[in-house]
Structures are given as C-alpha cells and as structure tokens.
C-alpha cells in the first residue's frame, strides 16, 4: 500500500515527515478530511488547507480547514 504525506499549508508549510499508509488516493483524501477537522479545533487561520502528497511526491489534492468542523465533503 502506498504512503501519503499530509501537510498543513497556510502561506508556509508544516511538513508531515512520517506520512500515513492508505489503500488509494480516495482513502488518502478521506484521511485528510479527518485531519482537517482536527486542525480546525485549534483556532484556525484563514486559507489553511491539508495538502495530500503521494509517495512519488506529487500533490493529489487538498482539503480546506474550516473555522468549525465540517462533515460535508470539502475535497477538491
């Protein structure tokens, strides 16, 4: 199974060095949505998002971080 990296972006990046093993790109985007909900609880700033990179280092998608947790599918 491939490993995905989840970085928080908001003008500068907070890197996730270890990543997470997911079944596929869709599972990685879902994991990013869960991470975004957790990050939103920590006084979010404008324009924050979770960037999802595959094991080749390519960004496969982003998920916005809202000021309040959202259960709506925000993935792009």
C-alpha atoms as a PDB file:
ATOM      1  CA  UNK A   1       0.000   0.000   0.000  1.00  0.00           C
ATOM      2  CA  UNK A   2       1.254   3.499  -0.785  1.00  0.00           C
ATOM      3  CA  UNK A   3       2.297   6.027   1.845  1.00  0.00           C
ATOM      4  CA  UNK A   4       0.793   9.513   1.730  1.00  0.00           C
ATOM      5  CA  UNK A   5       2.071  12.716   3.309  1.00  0.00           C
ATOM      6  CA  UNK A   6      -0.356  15.234   4.857  1.00  0.00           C
ATOM      7  CA  UNK A   7       0.979  18.800   5.145  1.00  0.00           C
ATOM      8  CA  UNK A   8      -0.793  21.783   6.646  1.00  0.00           C
ATOM      9  CA  UNK A   9      -0.458  24.799   4.345  1.00  0.00           C
ATOM     10  CA  UNK A  10      -1.206  28.447   5.111  1.00  0.00           C
ATOM     11  CA  UNK A  11       1.402  30.514   3.338  1.00  0.00           C
ATOM     12  CA  UNK A  12       4.132  28.344   4.817  1.00  0.00           C
ATOM     13  CA  UNK A  13       4.080  24.598   5.188  1.00  0.00           C
ATOM     14  CA  UNK A  14       4.122  22.369   8.240  1.00  0.00           C
ATOM     15  CA  UNK A  15       5.594  19.135   6.973  1.00  0.00           C
ATOM     16  CA  UNK A  16       4.442  15.659   7.963  1.00  0.00           C
ATOM     17  CA  UNK A  17       7.662  13.659   7.771  1.00  0.00           C
ATOM     18  CA  UNK A  18       6.220  10.220   8.516  1.00  0.00           C
ATOM     19  CA  UNK A  19       3.051  10.143   6.424  1.00  0.00           C
ATOM     20  CA  UNK A  20       0.346   7.522   6.574  1.00  0.00           C
ATOM     21  CA  UNK A  21      -0.298   4.296   4.642  1.00  0.00           C
ATOM     22  CA  UNK A  22      -3.653   4.379   2.782  1.00  0.00           C
ATOM     23  CA  UNK A  23      -5.282   1.970   0.330  1.00  0.00           C
ATOM     24  CA  UNK A  24      -5.508   4.533  -2.504  1.00  0.00           C
ATOM     25  CA  UNK A  25      -5.866   8.239  -3.370  1.00  0.00           C
ATOM     26  CA  UNK A  26      -9.527   8.318  -2.293  1.00  0.00           C
ATOM     27  CA  UNK A  27      -8.707   6.882   1.133  1.00  0.00           C
ATOM     28  CA  UNK A  28      -5.923   9.470   1.485  1.00  0.00           C
ATOM     29  CA  UNK A  29      -8.315  12.354   0.700  1.00  0.00           C
ATOM     30  CA  UNK A  30     -10.768  10.988   3.288  1.00  0.00           C
ATOM     31  CA  UNK A  31      -7.938  10.804   5.855  1.00  0.00           C
ATOM     32  CA  UNK A  32      -7.062  14.439   5.021  1.00  0.00           C
ATOM     33  CA  UNK A  33     -10.681  15.478   5.707  1.00  0.00           C
ATOM     34  CA  UNK A  34     -10.447  13.877   9.162  1.00  0.00           C
ATOM     35  CA  UNK A  35      -7.119  15.648   9.801  1.00  0.00           C
ATOM     36  CA  UNK A  36      -8.678  18.957   8.678  1.00  0.00           C
ATOM     37  CA  UNK A  37     -11.483  18.554  11.227  1.00  0.00           C
ATOM     38  CA  UNK A  38      -8.918  18.053  13.979  1.00  0.00           C
ATOM     39  CA  UNK A  39      -6.850  21.034  12.845  1.00  0.00           C
ATOM     40  CA  UNK A  40      -9.979  23.224  12.739  1.00  0.00           C
ATOM     41  CA  UNK A  41     -10.362  22.797  16.507  1.00  0.00           C
ATOM     42  CA  UNK A  42      -7.038  24.613  17.025  1.00  0.00           C
ATOM     43  CA  UNK A  43      -8.079  28.251  16.301  1.00  0.00           C
ATOM     44  CA  UNK A  44      -7.650  28.064  12.523  1.00  0.00           C
ATOM     45  CA  UNK A  45      -6.324  30.859  10.392  1.00  0.00           C
ATOM     46  CA  UNK A  46      -7.676  31.889   7.006  1.00  0.00           C
ATOM     47  CA  UNK A  47      -6.695  29.878   3.950  1.00  0.00           C
ATOM     48  CA  UNK A  48      -5.357  26.819   5.790  1.00  0.00           C
ATOM     49  CA  UNK A  49      -5.660  23.506   3.989  1.00  0.00           C
ATOM     50  CA  UNK A  50      -4.319  19.966   4.162  1.00  0.00           C
ATOM     51  CA  UNK A  51      -2.221  19.072   1.123  1.00  0.00           C
ATOM     52  CA  UNK A  52      -2.088  15.357   0.240  1.00  0.00           C
ATOM     53  CA  UNK A  53       1.057  14.066  -1.483  1.00  0.00           C
ATOM     54  CA  UNK A  54       1.514  10.560  -2.821  1.00  0.00           C
ATOM     55  CA  UNK A  55       4.673   8.512  -2.337  1.00  0.00           C
ATOM     56  CA  UNK A  56       6.107   9.998  -5.572  1.00  0.00           C
ATOM     57  CA  UNK A  57       5.897  13.484  -4.043  1.00  0.00           C
ATOM     58  CA  UNK A  58       3.040  14.690  -6.275  1.00  0.00           C
ATOM     59  CA  UNK A  59       0.192  16.630  -4.685  1.00  0.00           C
ATOM     60  CA  UNK A  60      -3.005  14.686  -5.398  1.00  0.00           C
ATOM     61  CA  UNK A  61      -5.445  17.039  -3.675  1.00  0.00           C
ATOM     62  CA  UNK A  62      -6.171  19.484  -0.909  1.00  0.00           C
ATOM     63  CA  UNK A  63      -8.812  19.721   1.802  1.00  0.00           C
ATOM     64  CA  UNK A  64      -9.670  23.127   3.337  1.00  0.00           C
ATOM     65  CA  UNK A  65      -9.569  23.657   7.092  1.00  0.00           C
ATOM     66  CA  UNK A  66     -12.716  25.458   8.251  1.00  0.00           C
ATOM     67  CA  UNK A  67     -13.097  27.551  11.387  1.00  0.00           C
ATOM     68  CA  UNK A  68     -15.621  24.987  12.623  1.00  0.00           C
ATOM     69  CA  UNK A  69     -15.544  21.263  11.866  1.00  0.00           C
ATOM     70  CA  UNK A  70     -17.467  20.351   8.719  1.00  0.00           C
ATOM     71  CA  UNK A  71     -18.822  16.948   7.843  1.00  0.00           C
ATOM     72  CA  UNK A  72     -19.505  17.994   4.263  1.00  0.00           C
ATOM     73  CA  UNK A  73     -17.030  16.513   1.753  1.00  0.00           C
ATOM     74  CA  UNK A  74     -14.707  19.504   1.094  1.00  0.00           C
ATOM     75  CA  UNK A  75     -12.116  17.671  -1.019  1.00  0.00           C
ATOM     76  CA  UNK A  76     -11.070  19.240  -4.315  1.00  0.00           C
END
